[in-house]
N, C-alpha and C. Protein backbone atom coordinates (compact mmCIF):
# COMPACT_ATOMS: atom_id res chain seq x y z
N MET A 1 22.43 26.70 92.70
CA MET A 1 23.08 25.44 92.48
C MET A 1 24.47 25.71 91.89
N THR A 2 25.46 25.01 92.40
CA THR A 2 26.82 25.24 91.93
C THR A 2 27.04 24.64 90.55
N LYS A 3 28.11 25.10 89.92
CA LYS A 3 28.44 24.64 88.56
C LYS A 3 28.74 23.14 88.55
N LYS A 4 29.41 22.65 89.59
CA LYS A 4 29.75 21.22 89.65
C LYS A 4 28.49 20.36 89.74
N LYS A 5 27.51 20.81 90.52
CA LYS A 5 26.26 20.06 90.64
C LYS A 5 25.51 20.04 89.32
N GLN A 6 25.52 21.18 88.62
CA GLN A 6 24.85 21.23 87.32
C GLN A 6 25.49 20.27 86.33
N VAL A 7 26.82 20.24 86.31
CA VAL A 7 27.53 19.33 85.41
C VAL A 7 27.23 17.88 85.78
N LEU A 8 27.22 17.58 87.07
CA LEU A 8 26.92 16.23 87.53
C LEU A 8 25.51 15.81 87.12
N ILE A 9 24.55 16.70 87.31
CA ILE A 9 23.16 16.39 86.95
C ILE A 9 23.04 16.18 85.45
N LYS A 10 23.71 17.02 84.65
CA LYS A 10 23.68 16.85 83.19
C LYS A 10 24.29 15.52 82.77
N MET A 11 25.37 15.11 83.42
CA MET A 11 25.99 13.84 83.07
C MET A 11 25.10 12.66 83.45
N ILE A 12 24.40 12.77 84.56
CA ILE A 12 23.47 11.72 84.96
C ILE A 12 22.32 11.63 83.96
N ILE A 13 21.79 12.77 83.56
CA ILE A 13 20.71 12.79 82.56
C ILE A 13 21.22 12.24 81.23
N LEU A 14 22.45 12.59 80.86
CA LEU A 14 23.05 12.07 79.63
C LEU A 14 23.13 10.55 79.67
N ALA A 15 23.58 10.00 80.80
CA ALA A 15 23.69 8.55 80.93
C ALA A 15 22.32 7.88 80.86
N ILE A 16 21.34 8.47 81.52
CA ILE A 16 19.99 7.89 81.50
C ILE A 16 19.43 7.89 80.08
N LEU A 17 19.55 9.02 79.39
CA LEU A 17 19.06 9.10 78.02
C LEU A 17 19.80 8.14 77.10
N TYR A 18 21.11 8.02 77.30
CA TYR A 18 21.88 7.10 76.47
C TYR A 18 21.41 5.66 76.66
N PHE A 19 21.22 5.26 77.92
CA PHE A 19 20.80 3.89 78.17
C PHE A 19 19.35 3.63 77.76
N LEU A 20 18.58 4.70 77.61
CA LEU A 20 17.23 4.53 77.04
C LEU A 20 17.29 4.37 75.52
N LEU A 21 18.29 4.99 74.88
CA LEU A 21 18.43 4.88 73.43
C LEU A 21 19.24 3.67 72.98
N LEU A 22 20.02 3.10 73.85
CA LEU A 22 20.85 1.95 73.51
C LEU A 22 20.02 0.77 72.96
N PRO A 23 18.91 0.41 73.58
CA PRO A 23 18.12 -0.70 73.01
C PRO A 23 17.59 -0.41 71.61
N VAL A 24 17.28 0.83 71.34
CA VAL A 24 16.79 1.19 70.01
C VAL A 24 17.88 0.94 68.98
N THR A 25 19.09 1.37 69.28
CA THR A 25 20.18 1.14 68.33
C THR A 25 20.52 -0.34 68.22
N LEU A 26 20.40 -1.07 69.30
CA LEU A 26 20.61 -2.53 69.24
C LEU A 26 19.61 -3.18 68.29
N ILE A 27 18.36 -2.81 68.43
CA ILE A 27 17.31 -3.37 67.57
C ILE A 27 17.58 -3.04 66.11
N VAL A 28 17.95 -1.80 65.84
CA VAL A 28 18.21 -1.38 64.46
C VAL A 28 19.39 -2.17 63.88
N PHE A 29 20.46 -2.32 64.65
CA PHE A 29 21.61 -3.04 64.12
C PHE A 29 21.36 -4.53 63.98
N LYS A 30 20.52 -5.08 64.83
CA LYS A 30 20.16 -6.50 64.68
C LYS A 30 19.24 -6.69 63.48
N LEU A 31 18.53 -5.64 63.07
CA LEU A 31 17.65 -5.72 61.91
C LEU A 31 18.39 -5.54 60.58
N ILE A 32 19.62 -5.06 60.62
CA ILE A 32 20.36 -4.77 59.38
C ILE A 32 20.43 -5.98 58.44
N PRO A 33 20.76 -7.19 58.93
CA PRO A 33 20.79 -8.32 57.98
C PRO A 33 19.43 -8.59 57.32
N TYR A 34 18.37 -8.39 58.07
CA TYR A 34 17.03 -8.60 57.49
C TYR A 34 16.70 -7.51 56.46
N ILE A 35 17.14 -6.31 56.73
CA ILE A 35 16.90 -5.21 55.79
C ILE A 35 17.70 -5.43 54.52
N ILE A 36 18.96 -5.84 54.66
CA ILE A 36 19.80 -6.09 53.48
C ILE A 36 19.24 -7.23 52.64
N ALA A 37 18.77 -8.28 53.30
CA ALA A 37 18.23 -9.44 52.59
C ALA A 37 16.80 -9.20 52.11
N ASN A 38 16.23 -8.05 52.46
CA ASN A 38 14.85 -7.72 52.11
C ASN A 38 13.88 -8.78 52.63
N ASN A 39 14.14 -9.24 53.84
CA ASN A 39 13.32 -10.26 54.47
C ASN A 39 12.23 -9.57 55.30
N THR A 40 10.99 -9.72 54.87
CA THR A 40 9.88 -9.08 55.59
C THR A 40 9.14 -10.08 56.47
N ASN A 41 9.61 -11.33 56.51
CA ASN A 41 8.94 -12.36 57.32
C ASN A 41 9.57 -12.43 58.71
N ILE A 42 9.44 -11.35 59.44
CA ILE A 42 10.00 -11.30 60.79
C ILE A 42 8.94 -10.75 61.73
N ASP A 43 8.83 -11.37 62.87
CA ASP A 43 7.90 -10.89 63.90
C ASP A 43 8.64 -9.83 64.72
N LEU A 44 8.40 -8.58 64.39
CA LEU A 44 9.16 -7.48 64.98
C LEU A 44 8.96 -7.39 66.49
N LYS A 45 7.78 -7.69 66.96
CA LYS A 45 7.49 -7.60 68.40
C LYS A 45 8.34 -8.61 69.17
N ASN A 46 8.29 -9.87 68.77
CA ASN A 46 9.08 -10.89 69.47
C ASN A 46 10.58 -10.68 69.27
N PHE A 47 10.95 -10.21 68.09
CA PHE A 47 12.35 -9.91 67.81
C PHE A 47 12.86 -8.85 68.78
N SER A 48 12.09 -7.78 68.96
CA SER A 48 12.48 -6.69 69.86
C SER A 48 12.49 -7.13 71.31
N ILE A 49 11.50 -7.90 71.70
CA ILE A 49 11.43 -8.38 73.10
C ILE A 49 12.64 -9.27 73.40
N ASN A 50 13.01 -10.11 72.45
CA ASN A 50 14.16 -10.99 72.64
C ASN A 50 15.45 -10.18 72.81
N ILE A 51 15.60 -9.13 72.04
CA ILE A 51 16.78 -8.27 72.17
C ILE A 51 16.79 -7.56 73.52
N LEU A 52 15.63 -7.07 73.94
CA LEU A 52 15.56 -6.35 75.21
C LEU A 52 15.78 -7.27 76.41
N LYS A 53 15.43 -8.55 76.27
CA LYS A 53 15.65 -9.50 77.36
C LYS A 53 17.12 -9.90 77.48
N HIS A 54 17.81 -9.95 76.34
CA HIS A 54 19.20 -10.41 76.32
C HIS A 54 20.09 -9.42 75.56
N PRO A 55 20.32 -8.23 76.13
CA PRO A 55 21.10 -7.22 75.40
C PRO A 55 22.57 -7.60 75.22
N ILE A 56 23.15 -8.32 76.19
CA ILE A 56 24.56 -8.73 76.07
C ILE A 56 24.73 -9.70 74.90
N ASN A 57 23.81 -10.65 74.78
CA ASN A 57 23.88 -11.59 73.66
C ASN A 57 23.74 -10.85 72.33
N SER A 58 22.91 -9.82 72.32
CA SER A 58 22.74 -9.04 71.09
C SER A 58 24.02 -8.31 70.72
N LEU A 59 24.72 -7.79 71.72
CA LEU A 59 26.00 -7.13 71.45
C LEU A 59 27.04 -8.11 70.91
N VAL A 60 27.06 -9.31 71.48
CA VAL A 60 27.99 -10.34 71.01
C VAL A 60 27.66 -10.71 69.57
N GLU A 61 26.39 -10.83 69.24
CA GLU A 61 25.98 -11.16 67.87
C GLU A 61 26.35 -10.05 66.89
N ILE A 62 26.24 -8.80 67.33
CA ILE A 62 26.64 -7.68 66.47
C ILE A 62 28.14 -7.74 66.21
N LYS A 63 28.92 -8.09 67.23
CA LYS A 63 30.37 -8.20 67.05
C LYS A 63 30.70 -9.33 66.09
N GLN A 64 30.02 -10.45 66.22
CA GLN A 64 30.30 -11.59 65.35
C GLN A 64 29.85 -11.32 63.91
N ALA A 65 28.88 -10.46 63.72
CA ALA A 65 28.38 -10.15 62.37
C ALA A 65 29.19 -9.02 61.73
N HIS A 66 30.25 -8.60 62.36
CA HIS A 66 31.14 -7.55 61.84
C HIS A 66 30.44 -6.20 61.70
N TYR A 67 29.50 -5.94 62.56
CA TYR A 67 28.84 -4.63 62.60
C TYR A 67 29.29 -3.82 63.81
N MET A 68 30.35 -4.27 64.48
CA MET A 68 30.76 -3.61 65.72
C MET A 68 31.29 -2.20 65.48
N ILE A 69 32.11 -1.99 64.46
CA ILE A 69 32.68 -0.65 64.21
C ILE A 69 31.56 0.34 63.85
N PRO A 70 30.66 0.01 62.90
CA PRO A 70 29.56 0.95 62.65
C PRO A 70 28.68 1.17 63.88
N PHE A 71 28.50 0.10 64.67
CA PHE A 71 27.70 0.22 65.89
C PHE A 71 28.35 1.20 66.86
N LEU A 72 29.66 1.11 67.03
CA LEU A 72 30.36 2.03 67.93
C LEU A 72 30.33 3.45 67.40
N ILE A 73 30.44 3.61 66.09
CA ILE A 73 30.37 4.95 65.50
C ILE A 73 29.00 5.57 65.77
N VAL A 74 27.95 4.78 65.61
CA VAL A 74 26.60 5.28 65.88
C VAL A 74 26.45 5.63 67.37
N GLN A 75 27.04 4.83 68.24
CA GLN A 75 26.95 5.12 69.67
C GLN A 75 27.65 6.43 70.01
N VAL A 76 28.79 6.68 69.39
CA VAL A 76 29.51 7.95 69.62
C VAL A 76 28.66 9.11 69.11
N ILE A 77 28.06 8.95 67.93
CA ILE A 77 27.20 10.00 67.39
C ILE A 77 26.02 10.27 68.30
N VAL A 78 25.42 9.22 68.84
CA VAL A 78 24.29 9.38 69.77
C VAL A 78 24.74 10.14 71.02
N LEU A 79 25.91 9.78 71.56
CA LEU A 79 26.42 10.49 72.75
C LEU A 79 26.69 11.96 72.45
N ILE A 80 27.29 12.24 71.30
CA ILE A 80 27.56 13.63 70.94
C ILE A 80 26.26 14.40 70.78
N ALA A 81 25.28 13.79 70.12
CA ALA A 81 23.97 14.46 69.94
C ALA A 81 23.30 14.73 71.28
N LEU A 82 23.35 13.77 72.19
CA LEU A 82 22.77 13.98 73.51
C LEU A 82 23.51 15.08 74.28
N TYR A 83 24.84 15.11 74.17
CA TYR A 83 25.61 16.14 74.85
C TYR A 83 25.25 17.53 74.32
N ILE A 84 25.14 17.64 72.99
CA ILE A 84 24.76 18.93 72.40
C ILE A 84 23.35 19.31 72.81
N PHE A 85 22.46 18.33 72.88
CA PHE A 85 21.08 18.58 73.31
C PHE A 85 21.04 19.11 74.75
N LEU A 86 21.87 18.56 75.61
CA LEU A 86 21.87 18.97 77.02
C LEU A 86 22.68 20.24 77.27
N ASN A 87 23.56 20.61 76.36
CA ASN A 87 24.39 21.80 76.52
C ASN A 87 24.26 22.69 75.28
N PRO A 88 23.13 23.33 75.11
CA PRO A 88 22.96 24.15 73.91
C PRO A 88 23.86 25.37 73.95
N VAL A 89 24.23 25.84 72.77
CA VAL A 89 25.03 27.06 72.66
C VAL A 89 24.13 28.24 72.98
N LYS A 90 24.58 29.04 73.91
CA LYS A 90 23.77 30.19 74.30
C LYS A 90 24.12 31.37 73.41
N ARG A 91 23.28 31.61 72.43
CA ARG A 91 23.48 32.74 71.53
C ARG A 91 22.52 33.83 71.92
N GLN A 92 22.98 35.04 71.77
CA GLN A 92 22.12 36.17 72.08
C GLN A 92 21.41 36.57 70.79
N PRO A 93 20.11 36.29 70.69
CA PRO A 93 19.40 36.53 69.44
C PRO A 93 19.08 38.00 69.19
N PHE A 94 19.54 38.86 70.03
CA PHE A 94 19.23 40.27 69.88
C PHE A 94 20.47 41.09 70.20
N GLU A 95 20.43 42.33 69.76
CA GLU A 95 21.55 43.22 70.01
C GLU A 95 21.31 43.95 71.33
N VAL A 96 22.37 44.10 72.11
CA VAL A 96 22.25 44.83 73.36
C VAL A 96 22.03 46.30 73.01
N VAL A 97 20.98 46.87 73.56
CA VAL A 97 20.65 48.25 73.24
C VAL A 97 20.54 49.07 74.51
N GLY A 98 20.53 50.33 74.33
CA GLY A 98 20.40 51.23 75.45
C GLY A 98 20.24 52.63 74.93
N LYS A 99 20.67 53.62 75.71
CA LYS A 99 20.55 55.01 75.29
C LYS A 99 21.40 55.31 74.07
N THR A 100 22.55 54.66 73.97
CA THR A 100 23.43 54.95 72.85
C THR A 100 23.04 54.19 71.58
N ASN A 101 22.29 53.11 71.71
CA ASN A 101 21.91 52.32 70.54
C ASN A 101 20.45 51.90 70.68
N PRO A 102 19.52 52.85 70.59
CA PRO A 102 18.12 52.49 70.82
C PRO A 102 17.51 51.79 69.60
N VAL A 103 16.56 50.93 69.86
CA VAL A 103 15.77 50.30 68.81
C VAL A 103 14.31 50.39 69.21
N HIS A 104 13.44 50.04 68.28
CA HIS A 104 12.01 50.09 68.56
C HIS A 104 11.70 49.19 69.75
N GLY A 105 11.06 49.72 70.72
CA GLY A 105 10.66 48.93 71.87
C GLY A 105 11.68 48.94 73.00
N SER A 106 12.82 49.60 72.81
CA SER A 106 13.79 49.62 73.89
C SER A 106 13.32 50.62 74.95
N ALA A 107 13.68 50.36 76.16
CA ALA A 107 13.24 51.23 77.25
C ALA A 107 14.40 51.47 78.21
N TYR A 108 14.39 52.62 78.80
CA TYR A 108 15.37 52.94 79.82
C TYR A 108 14.75 54.02 80.71
N TRP A 109 15.36 54.27 81.86
CA TRP A 109 14.85 55.28 82.77
C TRP A 109 15.11 56.66 82.18
N GLY A 110 14.07 57.47 82.16
CA GLY A 110 14.20 58.82 81.62
C GLY A 110 14.96 59.74 82.57
N GLU A 111 15.61 60.73 81.98
CA GLU A 111 16.30 61.72 82.78
C GLU A 111 15.39 62.93 82.95
N GLU A 112 15.79 63.84 83.82
CA GLU A 112 14.96 65.01 84.16
C GLU A 112 14.58 65.82 82.92
N ASN A 113 15.55 66.13 82.06
CA ASN A 113 15.26 66.96 80.89
C ASN A 113 14.37 66.22 79.88
N GLU A 114 14.45 64.89 79.84
CA GLU A 114 13.59 64.12 78.94
C GLU A 114 12.16 64.07 79.46
N ILE A 115 12.02 64.00 80.75
CA ILE A 115 10.67 63.95 81.33
C ILE A 115 9.95 65.28 81.11
N ASN A 116 10.68 66.40 81.20
CA ASN A 116 10.08 67.72 81.01
C ASN A 116 9.98 68.12 79.55
N ALA A 117 10.47 67.31 78.64
CA ALA A 117 10.48 67.64 77.21
C ALA A 117 9.09 67.90 76.63
N PRO A 118 8.04 67.19 77.01
CA PRO A 118 6.73 67.47 76.40
C PRO A 118 6.24 68.90 76.61
N GLN A 119 6.74 69.59 77.63
CA GLN A 119 6.33 70.97 77.85
C GLN A 119 6.90 71.89 76.79
N SER A 120 8.04 71.48 76.18
CA SER A 120 8.65 72.35 75.19
C SER A 120 8.24 71.97 73.76
N VAL A 121 7.35 71.01 73.59
CA VAL A 121 6.90 70.59 72.27
C VAL A 121 5.71 71.46 71.87
N HIS A 122 5.76 71.96 70.63
CA HIS A 122 4.66 72.78 70.12
C HIS A 122 4.09 72.09 68.89
N LEU A 123 2.80 71.85 68.92
CA LEU A 123 2.15 71.20 67.79
C LEU A 123 1.69 72.26 66.80
N ILE A 124 1.80 71.91 65.51
CA ILE A 124 1.32 72.81 64.48
C ILE A 124 0.25 72.11 63.66
N SER A 125 -0.56 72.87 63.02
CA SER A 125 -1.66 72.30 62.26
C SER A 125 -1.14 71.63 60.98
N GLU A 126 -2.00 70.83 60.36
CA GLU A 126 -1.63 70.11 59.15
C GLU A 126 -1.39 71.09 57.99
N LYS A 127 -2.22 72.14 57.91
CA LYS A 127 -2.05 73.14 56.85
C LYS A 127 -0.70 73.84 56.97
N SER A 128 -0.33 74.19 58.20
CA SER A 128 0.95 74.85 58.41
C SER A 128 2.10 73.93 58.01
N MET A 129 1.96 72.66 58.34
CA MET A 129 3.01 71.69 58.01
C MET A 129 3.15 71.56 56.49
N LYS A 130 2.02 71.52 55.77
CA LYS A 130 2.06 71.43 54.31
C LYS A 130 2.75 72.66 53.71
N SER A 131 2.42 73.83 54.24
CA SER A 131 3.04 75.04 53.69
C SER A 131 4.54 75.06 53.97
N ILE A 132 4.96 74.58 55.13
CA ILE A 132 6.39 74.51 55.45
C ILE A 132 7.10 73.55 54.51
N LEU A 133 6.48 72.41 54.24
CA LEU A 133 7.07 71.43 53.32
C LEU A 133 7.15 71.98 51.90
N GLU A 134 6.10 72.67 51.47
CA GLU A 134 6.11 73.26 50.13
C GLU A 134 7.20 74.30 49.99
N GLN A 135 7.38 75.13 51.02
CA GLN A 135 8.43 76.14 50.98
C GLN A 135 9.81 75.50 50.92
N SER A 136 9.99 74.42 51.67
CA SER A 136 11.30 73.78 51.66
C SER A 136 11.56 73.11 50.30
N ILE A 137 10.51 72.60 49.66
CA ILE A 137 10.68 71.98 48.34
C ILE A 137 11.03 73.07 47.33
N ARG A 138 10.35 74.20 47.38
CA ARG A 138 10.62 75.33 46.46
C ARG A 138 12.04 75.84 46.62
N SER A 139 12.46 75.97 47.88
CA SER A 139 13.82 76.47 48.09
C SER A 139 14.86 75.47 47.63
N ALA A 140 14.57 74.19 47.73
CA ALA A 140 15.49 73.17 47.23
C ALA A 140 15.57 73.18 45.72
N GLU A 141 14.43 73.47 45.06
CA GLU A 141 14.39 73.54 43.59
C GLU A 141 15.14 74.76 43.09
N ASN A 142 15.05 75.87 43.79
CA ASN A 142 15.71 77.11 43.38
C ASN A 142 17.23 77.02 43.52
N GLU A 143 17.71 76.19 44.34
CA GLU A 143 19.15 76.10 44.57
C GLU A 143 19.82 75.34 43.51
């Protein structure tokens, strides 16, 4: 899919999500006078249905109640949040590693000398290892 098609699809999704959230913000802003007045005698179901049936009238009422600037600010914030949601920042949560910067669990194709390396490994017993360590500690103390 081309970059232009991806951008177009994201903008369509952004518009759909915005228009799904617009009624929610309308309801909240229409409830502000009731919240300020601490009026709990409201039928929220019918109140919401009335707003959803007549959204243009609700916008006009918000403008007349002098809530238009905060309403527009909230709408801009909602659009910005939706845009960020649809276009996340792609961060690389890990460091690029390879032969020059290996970490636990990193893998790469082995070379010929690395594949044959186990043939040149010689295992020693635990007793021999202890004696070697003791000798190295003694020599470090003597110096």
